[in-house]
Amino acid sequence: MATPLDLQEQEQLDELKHFWKTYGNLISGVLIVVMGGFAAWNGYGYWQRSQSAKASALFDEVDRAVTLGDLARVERSLADMKDKFGATLYAQQAALLAAKNFQQKDKADQAQAALSWVADHATDESYAQIARLRLVSLMLQSQNYDEALSRLSKPFMPPYAPLASDLRGDVLSAQNKSQEAIAAYRQAWQKLEESNEYRRLVEAKLNALGVDPKASADASGVSQ
């Protein structure tokens, strides 16, 4: 004969069976999705760490090639880096490093190609804008003024905006567009902090064009 406790346990068991029969498939499905997502996230994290380690090793290869002065090896390693790990910060750093090496070795075309890749494909906007500034500087040297101005037409973040304005002034000055160059230099001068040594260089460029930015700023303040 069953005791009252046995009957209560049986009722609970029957309720549990009924609940599982009704919702068991749904619960199992949800658990599969959740556990599957957890496993996928762990797998993605492992894949990211693996990719980062491999990209780091290939960056070291680029760095060694630069140190050895082996330009062919630099090009091969950089090509591998862009092909296999193009979305990583290591690839962007490697391209900037390679571009600097190419420039030092008077390989302007290779330097511009590396910088163009960073400017157009970098996932980090700071790297992209640094690459753009360096690329414009090379274009200025090669007298590719129109392309240089095109690269400068896109917005720059505040830390790089004064340098972009200064470079724009250099390009316009090289094109003998003095008034436009003065406007660009003024913009650069105004954006730079007074304590910034680079501001003195921009001021010297304005002085060479017959403009004293300090006097202009004082006159503007008086007129206000």
C-alpha atoms as a PDB file:
ATOM      1  CA  MET A   1       0.000   0.000   0.000  1.00  0.00           C
ATOM      2  CA  ALA A   2       1.376   3.427  -1.003  1.00  0.00           C
ATOM      3  CA  THR A   3       2.075   5.987   1.692  1.00  0.00           C
ATOM      4  CA  PRO A   4       0.867   9.637   1.350  1.00  0.00           C
ATOM      5  CA  LEU A   5       4.444  10.663   0.519  1.00  0.00           C
ATOM      6  CA  ASP A   6       4.581   8.073  -2.230  1.00  0.00           C
ATOM      7  CA  LEU A   7       1.374   9.466  -3.735  1.00  0.00           C
ATOM      8  CA  GLN A   8       2.712  13.032  -3.618  1.00  0.00           C
ATOM      9  CA  GLU A   9       5.952  11.991  -5.292  1.00  0.00           C
ATOM     10  CA  GLN A  10       3.978  10.125  -7.945  1.00  0.00           C
ATOM     11  CA  GLU A  11       1.874  13.202  -8.654  1.00  0.00           C
ATOM     12  CA  GLN A  12       4.994  15.364  -8.977  1.00  0.00           C
ATOM     13  CA  LEU A  13       6.560  12.784 -11.264  1.00  0.00           C
ATOM     14  CA  ASP A  14       3.415  12.706 -13.420  1.00  0.00           C
ATOM     15  CA  GLU A  15       3.402  16.511 -13.613  1.00  0.00           C
ATOM     16  CA  LEU A  16       7.060  16.519 -14.586  1.00  0.00           C
ATOM     17  CA  LYS A  17       6.430  13.939 -17.296  1.00  0.00           C
ATOM     18  CA  HIS A  18       3.494  15.975 -18.623  1.00  0.00           C
ATOM     19  CA  PHE A  19       5.574  19.186 -18.581  1.00  0.00           C
ATOM     20  CA  TRP A  20       8.478  17.536 -20.372  1.00  0.00           C
ATOM     21  CA  LYS A  21       6.143  15.919 -22.900  1.00  0.00           C
ATOM     22  CA  THR A  22       4.644  19.330 -23.647  1.00  0.00           C
ATOM     23  CA  TYR A  23       7.767  21.510 -23.598  1.00  0.00           C
ATOM     24  CA  GLY A  24      10.651  19.063 -23.820  1.00  0.00           C
ATOM     25  CA  ASN A  25      11.358  19.560 -27.518  1.00  0.00           C
ATOM     26  CA  LEU A  26      11.302  23.332 -27.132  1.00  0.00           C
ATOM     27  CA  ILE A  27      13.640  23.253 -24.131  1.00  0.00           C
ATOM     28  CA  SER A  28      16.016  20.888 -25.913  1.00  0.00           C
ATOM     29  CA  GLY A  29      16.038  23.141 -28.950  1.00  0.00           C
ATOM     30  CA  VAL A  30      16.805  26.224 -26.885  1.00  0.00           C
ATOM     31  CA  LEU A  31      19.601  24.432 -25.042  1.00  0.00           C
ATOM     32  CA  ILE A  32      21.105  23.261 -28.313  1.00  0.00           C
ATOM     33  CA  VAL A  33      21.077  26.824 -29.678  1.00  0.00           C
ATOM     34  CA  VAL A  34      22.533  28.297 -26.475  1.00  0.00           C
ATOM     35  CA  MET A  35      25.225  25.662 -26.093  1.00  0.00           C
ATOM     36  CA  GLY A  36      25.954  25.786 -29.782  1.00  0.00           C
ATOM     37  CA  GLY A  37      26.363  29.562 -29.600  1.00  0.00           C
ATOM     38  CA  PHE A  38      28.638  29.226 -26.594  1.00  0.00           C
ATOM     39  CA  ALA A  39      30.759  26.679 -28.401  1.00  0.00           C
ATOM     40  CA  ALA A  40      30.857  28.862 -31.508  1.00  0.00           C
ATOM     41  CA  TRP A  41      31.931  31.887 -29.445  1.00  0.00           C
ATOM     42  CA  ASN A  42      34.707  29.888 -27.805  1.00  0.00           C
ATOM     43  CA  GLY A  43      35.715  28.578 -31.197  1.00  0.00           C
ATOM     44  CA  TYR A  44      35.754  32.096 -32.658  1.00  0.00           C
ATOM     45  CA  GLY A  45      37.849  33.315 -29.747  1.00  0.00           C
ATOM     46  CA  TYR A  46      40.326  30.505 -30.317  1.00  0.00           C
ATOM     47  CA  TRP A  47      40.389  31.285 -34.039  1.00  0.00           C
ATOM     48  CA  GLN A  48      41.051  34.956 -33.315  1.00  0.00           C
ATOM     49  CA  ARG A  49      43.902  34.125 -30.956  1.00  0.00           C
ATOM     50  CA  SER A  50      45.325  31.714 -33.505  1.00  0.00           C
ATOM     51  CA  GLN A  51      45.098  34.291 -36.308  1.00  0.00           C
ATOM     52  CA  SER A  52      46.700  36.934 -34.110  1.00  0.00           C
ATOM     53  CA  ALA A  53      49.614  34.636 -33.238  1.00  0.00           C
ATOM     54  CA  LYS A  54      50.189  33.769 -36.892  1.00  0.00           C
ATOM     55  CA  ALA A  55      49.925  37.414 -37.952  1.00  0.00           C
ATOM     56  CA  SER A  56      52.404  38.385 -35.242  1.00  0.00           C
ATOM     57  CA  ALA A  57      54.884  35.811 -36.525  1.00  0.00           C
ATOM     58  CA  LEU A  58      54.524  37.102 -40.081  1.00  0.00           C
ATOM     59  CA  PHE A  59      54.947  40.696 -38.879  1.00  0.00           C
ATOM     60  CA  ASP A  60      58.238  39.615 -37.299  1.00  0.00           C
ATOM     61  CA  GLU A  61      59.230  38.241 -40.706  1.00  0.00           C
ATOM     62  CA  VAL A  62      58.576  41.627 -42.312  1.00  0.00           C
ATOM     63  CA  ASP A  63      60.516  43.335 -39.524  1.00  0.00           C
ATOM     64  CA  ARG A  64      63.503  40.991 -39.994  1.00  0.00           C
ATOM     65  CA  ALA A  65      63.473  41.580 -43.744  1.00  0.00           C
ATOM     66  CA  VAL A  66      63.475  45.346 -43.169  1.00  0.00           C
ATOM     67  CA  THR A  67      66.367  45.050 -40.710  1.00  0.00           C
ATOM     68  CA  LEU A  68      68.340  42.980 -43.225  1.00  0.00           C
ATOM     69  CA  GLY A  69      67.538  45.420 -46.024  1.00  0.00           C
ATOM     70  CA  ASP A  70      66.147  42.607 -48.167  1.00  0.00           C
ATOM     71  CA  LEU A  71      63.523  44.458 -50.230  1.00  0.00           C
ATOM     72  CA  ALA A  72      62.410  41.383 -52.171  1.00  0.00           C
ATOM     73  CA  ARG A  73      61.793  39.555 -48.900  1.00  0.00           C
ATOM     74  CA  VAL A  74      59.936  42.581 -47.525  1.00  0.00           C
ATOM     75  CA  GLU A  75      57.636  42.566 -50.551  1.00  0.00           C
ATOM     76  CA  ARG A  76      56.987  38.813 -50.316  1.00  0.00           C
ATOM     77  CA  SER A  77      56.311  38.897 -46.574  1.00  0.00           C
ATOM     78  CA  LEU A  78      54.034  41.913 -46.886  1.00  0.00           C
ATOM     79  CA  ALA A  79      52.112  40.281 -49.729  1.00  0.00           C
ATOM     80  CA  ASP A  80      51.595  37.178 -47.569  1.00  0.00           C
ATOM     81  CA  MET A  81      50.518  39.343 -44.652  1.00  0.00           C
ATOM     82  CA  LYS A  82      47.932  41.234 -46.708  1.00  0.00           C
ATOM     83  CA  ASP A  83      46.638  38.043 -48.306  1.00  0.00           C
ATOM     84  CA  LYS A  84      46.297  35.976 -45.134  1.00  0.00           C
ATOM     85  CA  PHE A  85      45.845  38.493 -42.325  1.00  0.00           C
ATOM     86  CA  GLY A  86      44.764  41.693 -44.058  1.00  0.00           C
ATOM     87  CA  ALA A  87      42.117  42.505 -41.447  1.00  0.00           C
ATOM     88  CA  THR A  88      44.565  42.461 -38.521  1.00  0.00           C
ATOM     89  CA  LEU A  89      46.381  45.438 -37.023  1.00  0.00           C
ATOM     90  CA  TYR A  90      49.625  43.548 -37.596  1.00  0.00           C
ATOM     91  CA  ALA A  91      49.063  43.799 -41.361  1.00  0.00           C
ATOM     92  CA  GLN A  92      48.528  47.548 -41.177  1.00  0.00           C
ATOM     93  CA  GLN A  93      51.620  47.999 -39.011  1.00  0.00           C
ATOM     94  CA  ALA A  94      53.641  45.817 -41.373  1.00  0.00           C
ATOM     95  CA  ALA A  95      52.555  47.865 -44.391  1.00  0.00           C
ATOM     96  CA  LEU A  96      53.507  51.138 -42.692  1.00  0.00           C
ATOM     97  CA  LEU A  97      56.872  49.670 -41.708  1.00  0.00           C
ATOM     98  CA  ALA A  98      57.481  48.356 -45.220  1.00  0.00           C
ATOM     99  CA  ALA A  99      56.473  51.691 -46.756  1.00  0.00           C
ATOM    100  CA  LYS A 100      59.014  53.513 -44.598  1.00  0.00           C
ATOM    101  CA  ASN A 101      61.704  51.047 -45.678  1.00  0.00           C
ATOM    102  CA  PHE A 102      60.767  51.393 -49.359  1.00  0.00           C
ATOM    103  CA  GLN A 103      60.926  55.166 -49.069  1.00  0.00           C
ATOM    104  CA  GLN A 104      64.355  55.035 -47.446  1.00  0.00           C
ATOM    105  CA  LYS A 105      65.533  52.846 -50.311  1.00  0.00           C
ATOM    106  CA  ASP A 106      64.122  55.282 -52.912  1.00  0.00           C
ATOM    107  CA  LYS A 107      61.412  52.835 -53.968  1.00  0.00           C
ATOM    108  CA  ALA A 108      58.643  55.427 -54.186  1.00  0.00           C
ATOM    109  CA  ASP A 109      56.210  53.262 -56.165  1.00  0.00           C
ATOM    110  CA  GLN A 110      56.379  50.396 -53.671  1.00  0.00           C
ATOM    111  CA  ALA A 111      56.075  52.848 -50.768  1.00  0.00           C
ATOM    112  CA  GLN A 112      52.986  54.466 -52.288  1.00  0.00           C
ATOM    113  CA  ALA A 113      51.424  51.068 -52.987  1.00  0.00           C
ATOM    114  CA  ALA A 114      51.887  49.978 -49.361  1.00  0.00           C
ATOM    115  CA  LEU A 115      50.519  53.255 -48.013  1.00  0.00           C
ATOM    116  CA  SER A 116      47.569  53.199 -50.404  1.00  0.00           C
ATOM    117  CA  TRP A 117      46.647  49.738 -49.162  1.00  0.00           C
ATOM    118  CA  VAL A 118      46.624  50.906 -45.542  1.00  0.00           C
ATOM    119  CA  ALA A 119      44.718  54.092 -46.385  1.00  0.00           C
ATOM    120  CA  ASP A 120      42.039  52.146 -48.270  1.00  0.00           C
ATOM    121  CA  HIS A 121      41.786  48.941 -46.220  1.00  0.00           C
ATOM    122  CA  ALA A 122      42.856  49.642 -42.640  1.00  0.00           C
ATOM    123  CA  THR A 123      40.339  48.596 -39.997  1.00  0.00           C
ATOM    124  CA  ASP A 124      41.875  51.134 -37.610  1.00  0.00           C
ATOM    125  CA  GLU A 125      41.067  54.710 -38.692  1.00  0.00           C
ATOM    126  CA  SER A 126      44.211  56.115 -37.070  1.00  0.00           C
ATOM    127  CA  TYR A 127      46.421  53.893 -39.206  1.00  0.00           C
ATOM    128  CA  ALA A 128      44.392  54.815 -42.289  1.00  0.00           C
ATOM    129  CA  GLN A 129      44.842  58.533 -41.691  1.00  0.00           C
ATOM    130  CA  ILE A 130      48.543  58.253 -40.892  1.00  0.00           C
ATOM    131  CA  ALA A 131      48.962  56.344 -44.139  1.00  0.00           C
ATOM    132  CA  ARG A 132      47.036  59.027 -46.037  1.00  0.00           C
ATOM    133  CA  LEU A 133      49.262  61.792 -44.691  1.00  0.00           C
ATOM    134  CA  ARG A 134      52.425  59.921 -45.590  1.00  0.00           C
ATOM    135  CA  LEU A 135      51.000  59.050 -48.991  1.00  0.00           C
ATOM    136  CA  VAL A 136      50.201  62.697 -49.727  1.00  0.00           C
ATOM    137  CA  SER A 137      53.742  63.641 -48.744  1.00  0.00           C
ATOM    138  CA  LEU A 138      55.110  61.175 -51.316  1.00  0.00           C
ATOM    139  CA  MET A 139      52.659  62.390 -53.948  1.00  0.00           C
ATOM    140  CA  LEU A 140      53.819  65.942 -53.309  1.00  0.00           C
ATOM    141  CA  GLN A 141      57.409  64.870 -53.938  1.00  0.00           C
ATOM    142  CA  SER A 142      56.421  63.174 -57.183  1.00  0.00           C
ATOM    143  CA  GLN A 143      54.339  66.239 -58.194  1.00  0.00           C
ATOM    144  CA  ASN A 144      51.111  64.225 -58.276  1.00  0.00           C
ATOM    145  CA  TYR A 145      49.225  67.236 -56.976  1.00  0.00           C
ATOM    146  CA  ASP A 146      45.677  66.422 -58.051  1.00  0.00           C
ATOM    147  CA  GLU A 147      45.719  62.991 -56.423  1.00  0.00           C
ATOM    148  CA  ALA A 148      47.320  64.465 -53.323  1.00  0.00           C
ATOM    149  CA  LEU A 149      44.511  67.017 -52.950  1.00  0.00           C
ATOM    150  CA  SER A 150      41.948  64.283 -53.559  1.00  0.00           C
ATOM    151  CA  ARG A 151      43.402  62.261 -50.680  1.00  0.00           C
ATOM    152  CA  LEU A 152      43.303  65.336 -48.457  1.00  0.00           C
ATOM    153  CA  SER A 153      39.678  66.113 -49.285  1.00  0.00           C
ATOM    154  CA  LYS A 154      38.393  63.387 -46.969  1.00  0.00           C
ATOM    155  CA  PRO A 155      37.883  64.392 -43.309  1.00  0.00           C
ATOM    156  CA  PHE A 156      40.638  63.845 -40.752  1.00  0.00           C
ATOM    157  CA  MET A 157      40.303  63.235 -37.034  1.00  0.00           C
ATOM    158  CA  PRO A 158      41.293  66.233 -34.811  1.00  0.00           C
ATOM    159  CA  PRO A 159      44.836  64.985 -34.014  1.00  0.00           C
ATOM    160  CA  TYR A 160      45.659  64.767 -37.737  1.00  0.00           C
ATOM    161  CA  ALA A 161      43.621  67.686 -39.094  1.00  0.00           C
ATOM    162  CA  PRO A 162      46.355  70.358 -38.625  1.00  0.00           C
ATOM    163  CA  LEU A 163      48.895  68.194 -40.445  1.00  0.00           C
ATOM    164  CA  ALA A 164      46.430  67.629 -43.268  1.00  0.00           C
ATOM    165  CA  SER A 165      45.835  71.382 -43.587  1.00  0.00           C
ATOM    166  CA  ASP A 166      49.581  72.023 -43.591  1.00  0.00           C
ATOM    167  CA  LEU A 167      50.107  69.440 -46.323  1.00  0.00           C
ATOM    168  CA  ARG A 168      47.260  70.956 -48.325  1.00  0.00           C
ATOM    169  CA  GLY A 169      49.077  74.268 -48.080  1.00  0.00           C
ATOM    170  CA  ASP A 170      52.290  72.631 -49.338  1.00  0.00           C
ATOM    171  CA  VAL A 171      50.503  71.154 -52.347  1.00  0.00           C
ATOM    172  CA  LEU A 172      48.737  74.410 -53.208  1.00  0.00           C
ATOM    173  CA  SER A 173      51.967  76.341 -52.771  1.00  0.00           C
ATOM    174  CA  ALA A 174      53.700  73.948 -55.179  1.00  0.00           C
ATOM    175  CA  GLN A 175      50.926  74.718 -57.658  1.00  0.00           C
ATOM    176  CA  ASN A 176      51.611  78.456 -57.219  1.00  0.00           C
ATOM    177  CA  LYS A 177      48.160  78.971 -55.666  1.00  0.00           C
ATOM    178  CA  SER A 178      49.408  81.335 -53.009  1.00  0.00           C
ATOM    179  CA  GLN A 179      46.121  82.604 -51.607  1.00  0.00           C
ATOM    180  CA  GLU A 180      44.673  79.104 -51.277  1.00  0.00           C
ATOM    181  CA  ALA A 181      47.921  77.933 -49.696  1.00  0.00           C
ATOM    182  CA  ILE A 182      47.761  80.802 -47.187  1.00  0.00           C
ATOM    183  CA  ALA A 183      44.217  79.812 -46.233  1.00  0.00           C
ATOM    184  CA  ALA A 184      45.294  76.214 -45.672  1.00  0.00           C
ATOM    185  CA  TYR A 185      48.343  77.232 -43.621  1.00  0.00           C
ATOM    186  CA  ARG A 186      46.216  79.583 -41.527  1.00  0.00           C
ATOM    187  CA  GLN A 187      43.858  76.735 -40.780  1.00  0.00           C
ATOM    188  CA  ALA A 188      46.751  74.515 -39.720  1.00  0.00           C
ATOM    189  CA  TRP A 189      48.264  77.282 -37.566  1.00  0.00           C
ATOM    190  CA  GLN A 190      44.957  77.957 -35.826  1.00  0.00           C
ATOM    191  CA  LYS A 191      44.376  74.284 -35.052  1.00  0.00           C
ATOM    192  CA  LEU A 192      47.808  73.717 -33.532  1.00  0.00           C
ATOM    193  CA  GLU A 193      48.440  74.418 -29.858  1.00  0.00           C
ATOM    194  CA  GLU A 194      50.668  77.422 -29.106  1.00  0.00           C
ATOM    195  CA  SER A 195      53.148  75.131 -27.371  1.00  0.00           C
ATOM    196  CA  ASN A 196      53.426  72.850 -30.391  1.00  0.00           C
ATOM    197  CA  GLU A 197      56.811  73.295 -32.096  1.00  0.00           C
ATOM    198  CA  TYR A 198      55.278  72.374 -35.437  1.00  0.00           C
ATOM    199  CA  ARG A 199      53.219  75.577 -35.256  1.00  0.00           C
ATOM    200  CA  ARG A 200      56.427  77.575 -35.694  1.00  0.00           C
ATOM    201  CA  LEU A 201      57.142  75.755 -38.949  1.00  0.00           C
ATOM    202  CA  VAL A 202      53.688  76.584 -40.276  1.00  0.00           C
ATOM    203  CA  GLU A 203      54.169  80.177 -39.142  1.00  0.00           C
ATOM    204  CA  ALA A 204      57.448  80.336 -41.072  1.00  0.00           C
ATOM    205  CA  LYS A 205      55.647  79.162 -44.217  1.00  0.00           C
ATOM    206  CA  LEU A 206      53.063  81.921 -43.769  1.00  0.00           C
ATOM    207  CA  ASN A 207      55.821  84.475 -43.188  1.00  0.00           C
ATOM    208  CA  ALA A 208      57.461  83.364 -46.443  1.00  0.00           C
ATOM    209  CA  LEU A 209      54.183  84.153 -48.198  1.00  0.00           C
ATOM    210  CA  GLY A 210      54.065  87.603 -46.614  1.00  0.00           C
ATOM    211  CA  VAL A 211      51.595  86.797 -43.842  1.00  0.00           C
ATOM    212  CA  ASP A 212      52.009  87.212 -40.079  1.00  0.00           C
ATOM    213  CA  PRO A 213      49.355  84.942 -38.515  1.00  0.00           C
ATOM    214  CA  LYS A 214      49.844  86.492 -35.081  1.00  0.00           C
ATOM    215  CA  ALA A 215      49.150  89.991 -36.383  1.00  0.00           C
ATOM    216  CA  SER A 216      46.130  88.692 -38.281  1.00  0.00           C
ATOM    217  CA  ALA A 217      44.828  86.984 -35.153  1.00  0.00           C
ATOM    218  CA  ASP A 218      45.305  90.155 -33.085  1.00  0.00           C
ATOM    219  CA  ALA A 219      43.543  92.268 -35.709  1.00  0.00           C
ATOM    220  CA  SER A 220      40.686  89.795 -35.758  1.00  0.00           C
ATOM    221  CA  GLY A 221      40.411  90.005 -31.986  1.00  0.00           C
ATOM    222  CA  VAL A 222      40.370  93.814 -32.070  1.00  0.00           C
ATOM    223  CA  SER A 223      37.687  93.892 -34.759  1.00  0.00           C
ATOM    224  CA  GLN A 224      35.505  91.712 -32.578  1.00  0.00           C
END
